[in-house]
Amino acid sequence: TYIGIALKGDENVVKNNIVGYADKDGNGVTQLLTPALGSLFLGIQATGSLVNETIIENNTVAGIEVQTNSTGNTSYGVMCGIYVPTLAGSKVYVKGNKVNNLNLTTAAGRASNVYWTLVGVLCFGSTGKFIDNEIHDLKQVCTAAAGSAVVRGLSSSGGTSSVFYDTQITHNKVYNLFSGNETSTATNQVVGIQCATQQQ
């Protein structure tokens, strides 16, 4: 797995960073061309905080192209811009980030569209506030006939059934997402904003 920025622990602040492009001025694309290998890519991975909030603010993850034969995993799929992994009872504040121009080509796909393969921002098991983020131009093409291409713009979901997740998603812009298959025989899917919080 290739990761741009990775942080663990309480009360992290990830602010004003750029991950991607071919140079520091925002030109071109970073390419991860390993079609014969099961490569995965995460732009920013930061664990939520159990004390106050982990803050992920004003970052840019953009200009990245990945080619891989990976079908991904049940957490962050194959390619993810910003990822907050499961930590029951944790909190995260995600504001003003830009995730765009992410292109994924997979030589193998999901057998079903239960799990995603390309996600802009994914919070998986934390109480999250998502405000003023802009996610656009995410594209996945799968070259396998039976492989689903499943794209999410912003997705927040509960991870532990005994924990209440209070999610706030406001003033975000999500647009121009593409999910396709060269043979058009698979079930492809695009969701702009997905929220699956739970209280039990």
Protein backbone atom coordinates (compact mmCIF):
# COMPACT_ATOMS: atom_id res chain seq x y z
CA THR A 1 0.00 0.00 0.00
CA TYR A 2 1.28 3.45 -0.95
CA ILE A 3 0.37 6.29 1.45
CA GLY A 4 1.03 10.01 1.03
CA ILE A 5 0.54 11.02 4.71
CA ALA A 6 -0.15 8.59 7.57
CA LEU A 7 -0.93 9.59 11.17
CA LYS A 8 -2.08 7.66 14.22
CA GLY A 9 -2.93 8.76 17.75
CA ASP A 10 -5.14 11.40 19.37
CA GLU A 11 -5.73 14.98 18.26
CA ASN A 12 -3.71 15.00 15.07
CA VAL A 13 -3.85 18.09 12.87
CA VAL A 14 -3.36 17.53 9.11
CA LYS A 15 -3.56 20.95 7.47
CA ASN A 16 -2.54 22.73 4.25
CA ASN A 17 -0.79 19.77 2.60
CA ILE A 18 -0.66 18.72 -1.04
CA VAL A 19 -0.43 15.08 -2.11
CA GLY A 20 -0.11 14.27 -5.79
CA TYR A 21 0.73 16.02 -9.07
CA ALA A 22 4.06 15.69 -10.85
CA ASP A 23 5.66 18.77 -9.27
CA LYS A 24 5.27 21.27 -6.42
CA ASP A 25 3.41 23.76 -8.64
CA GLY A 26 0.46 21.45 -9.27
CA ASN A 27 1.36 20.37 -12.78
CA GLY A 28 0.95 16.89 -14.27
CA VAL A 29 0.09 13.69 -12.42
CA THR A 30 1.76 11.24 -10.07
CA GLN A 31 1.57 7.81 -11.67
CA LEU A 32 1.53 4.44 -9.92
CA LEU A 33 1.60 2.04 -12.85
CA THR A 34 1.72 -1.52 -11.50
CA PRO A 35 -0.99 -3.35 -13.44
CA ALA A 36 0.46 -6.78 -12.60
CA LEU A 37 0.65 -6.04 -8.85
CA GLY A 38 -2.02 -5.60 -6.18
CA SER A 39 -1.06 -2.02 -5.34
CA LEU A 40 -3.33 0.18 -3.22
CA PHE A 41 -3.11 3.94 -2.72
CA LEU A 42 -4.12 6.27 0.14
CA GLY A 43 -3.55 10.02 -0.08
CA ILE A 44 -4.03 10.84 3.63
CA GLN A 45 -4.73 8.36 6.42
CA ALA A 46 -5.46 9.80 9.87
CA THR A 47 -7.06 8.07 12.84
CA GLY A 48 -9.88 9.87 14.65
CA SER A 49 -9.32 11.15 18.18
CA LEU A 50 -10.82 9.71 21.35
CA VAL A 51 -10.21 13.00 23.23
CA ASN A 52 -11.00 15.98 21.02
CA GLU A 53 -11.19 15.91 17.24
CA THR A 54 -8.59 14.91 14.71
CA ILE A 55 -8.54 17.82 12.25
CA ILE A 56 -8.08 17.29 8.50
CA GLU A 57 -8.35 20.71 6.93
CA ASN A 58 -7.49 22.53 3.68
CA ASN A 59 -5.52 19.65 2.16
CA THR A 60 -5.39 18.76 -1.51
CA VAL A 61 -5.17 15.22 -2.88
CA ALA A 62 -5.15 15.47 -6.66
CA GLY A 63 -3.47 14.57 -9.92
CA ILE A 64 -2.92 10.86 -9.25
CA GLU A 65 -3.23 7.91 -11.64
CA VAL A 66 -3.15 4.28 -10.47
CA GLN A 67 -3.13 1.10 -12.54
CA THR A 68 -3.37 -2.17 -10.62
CA ASN A 69 -4.86 -5.65 -10.67
CA SER A 70 -6.02 -5.32 -7.05
CA THR A 71 -9.67 -5.83 -6.19
CA GLY A 72 -9.14 -3.79 -3.03
CA ASN A 73 -10.16 -4.57 0.51
CA THR A 74 -13.27 -4.08 2.63
CA SER A 75 -11.95 -0.91 4.27
CA TYR A 76 -10.69 1.67 1.79
CA GLY A 77 -11.00 -0.21 -1.49
CA VAL A 78 -8.20 0.26 -4.01
CA MET A 79 -7.72 4.04 -4.11
CA CYS A 80 -8.81 6.62 -1.54
CA GLY A 81 -8.08 10.33 -1.23
CA ILE A 82 -8.65 10.83 2.52
CA TYR A 83 -9.25 7.86 4.80
CA VAL A 84 -10.23 7.74 8.50
CA PRO A 85 -10.11 4.11 9.71
CA THR A 86 -12.37 2.50 12.28
CA LEU A 87 -11.84 3.53 15.91
CA ALA A 88 -14.98 3.22 18.03
CA GLY A 89 -15.89 6.44 19.83
CA SER A 90 -13.42 8.59 17.92
CA LYS A 91 -14.10 12.00 16.33
CA VAL A 92 -12.84 13.68 13.19
CA TYR A 93 -13.30 17.14 11.64
CA VAL A 94 -12.84 17.26 7.86
CA LYS A 95 -13.14 20.73 6.35
CA GLY A 96 -12.14 22.59 3.21
CA ASN A 97 -10.27 19.72 1.57
CA LYS A 98 -10.02 19.22 -2.18
CA VAL A 99 -9.89 15.75 -3.71
CA ASN A 100 -9.93 15.71 -7.48
CA ASN A 101 -8.49 14.23 -10.66
CA LEU A 102 -8.00 10.71 -9.31
CA ASN A 103 -7.92 8.10 -12.06
CA LEU A 104 -8.00 4.37 -11.35
CA THR A 105 -7.68 1.52 -13.84
CA THR A 106 -8.09 -1.98 -12.46
CA ALA A 107 -7.33 -5.21 -14.29
CA ALA A 108 -9.63 -7.04 -11.87
CA GLY A 109 -12.79 -5.80 -10.20
CA ARG A 110 -15.21 -6.50 -7.42
CA ALA A 111 -17.40 -9.52 -7.87
CA SER A 112 -20.19 -7.32 -6.49
CA ASN A 113 -20.69 -3.65 -5.68
CA VAL A 114 -21.05 -4.12 -1.93
CA TYR A 115 -17.66 -2.49 -1.34
CA TRP A 116 -16.12 0.48 -3.09
CA THR A 117 -13.00 0.63 -5.21
CA LEU A 118 -12.40 4.41 -5.53
CA VAL A 119 -13.39 6.91 -2.81
CA GLY A 120 -12.69 10.62 -2.43
CA VAL A 121 -13.20 10.94 1.36
CA LEU A 122 -13.98 7.91 3.52
CA CYS A 123 -14.69 7.88 7.25
CA PHE A 124 -15.20 4.35 8.43
CA GLY A 125 -16.19 4.13 12.09
CA SER A 126 -15.79 7.64 13.55
CA THR A 127 -18.16 10.47 14.38
CA GLY A 128 -17.41 12.93 11.61
CA LYS A 129 -18.05 16.52 10.60
CA PHE A 130 -17.59 17.09 6.87
CA ILE A 131 -17.86 20.73 5.86
CA ASP A 132 -16.98 22.69 2.70
CA ASN A 133 -15.05 19.87 1.02
CA GLU A 134 -14.88 19.71 -2.77
CA ILE A 135 -14.60 16.32 -4.49
CA HIS A 136 -14.70 15.98 -8.25
CA ASP A 137 -13.31 14.24 -11.31
CA LEU A 138 -12.93 10.77 -9.84
CA LYS A 139 -12.80 8.12 -12.53
CA GLN A 140 -12.47 4.35 -12.50
CA VAL A 141 -12.36 1.97 -15.44
CA CYS A 142 -12.18 -1.80 -14.97
CA THR A 143 -10.85 -3.93 -17.81
CA ALA A 144 -12.26 -7.20 -16.41
CA ALA A 145 -15.59 -8.30 -17.84
CA ALA A 146 -17.10 -9.32 -14.50
CA GLY A 147 -15.45 -6.71 -12.30
CA SER A 148 -17.55 -3.94 -10.80
CA ALA A 149 -16.22 -0.39 -10.62
CA VAL A 150 -17.68 1.24 -7.50
CA VAL A 151 -17.02 4.95 -6.93
CA ARG A 152 -17.96 7.06 -3.89
CA GLY A 153 -17.44 10.79 -3.51
CA LEU A 154 -17.85 11.17 0.27
CA SER A 155 -18.77 8.24 2.48
CA SER A 156 -19.24 8.08 6.25
CA SER A 157 -20.38 4.96 8.05
CA GLY A 158 -20.55 3.49 11.52
CA GLY A 159 -18.23 0.64 12.30
CA THR A 160 -19.35 -0.68 15.70
CA SER A 161 -22.99 -1.57 16.35
CA SER A 162 -22.91 -0.56 20.04
CA VAL A 163 -21.64 2.98 19.33
CA PHE A 164 -23.70 6.00 18.24
CA TYR A 165 -22.23 7.90 15.29
CA ASP A 166 -23.38 11.51 14.93
CA THR A 167 -22.44 12.59 11.42
CA GLN A 168 -22.68 16.11 10.00
CA ILE A 169 -22.29 16.59 6.24
CA THR A 170 -22.84 20.20 5.11
CA HIS A 171 -21.87 22.52 2.24
CA ASN A 172 -19.80 19.94 0.36
CA LYS A 173 -19.50 19.87 -3.42
CA VAL A 174 -19.31 16.48 -5.12
CA TYR A 175 -19.49 16.25 -8.90
CA ASN A 176 -18.23 14.62 -12.10
CA LEU A 177 -17.72 11.07 -10.86
CA PHE A 178 -17.33 8.24 -13.39
CA SER A 179 -17.56 4.49 -13.01
CA GLY A 180 -17.22 2.35 -16.08
CA ASN A 181 -16.25 -0.97 -17.55
CA GLU A 182 -14.79 -1.44 -21.00
CA THR A 183 -17.00 -4.47 -21.68
CA SER A 184 -20.13 -3.10 -19.96
CA THR A 185 -21.08 -6.47 -18.48
CA ALA A 186 -20.53 -5.64 -14.81
CA THR A 187 -22.68 -3.71 -12.35
CA ASN A 188 -20.96 -0.36 -11.96
CA GLN A 189 -22.01 2.19 -9.39
CA VAL A 190 -21.48 5.84 -8.44
CA VAL A 191 -22.67 7.50 -5.21
CA GLY A 192 -21.96 11.18 -4.55
CA ILE A 193 -22.51 11.29 -0.76
CA GLN A 194 -23.21 8.22 1.35
CA CYS A 195 -24.03 8.21 5.07
CA ALA A 196 -24.69 4.96 6.94
CA THR A 197 -24.65 5.92 10.61
CA GLN A 198 -26.28 3.69 13.18
CA GLN A 199 -27.49 3.54 16.78
CA GLN A 200 -28.26 0.22 18.44
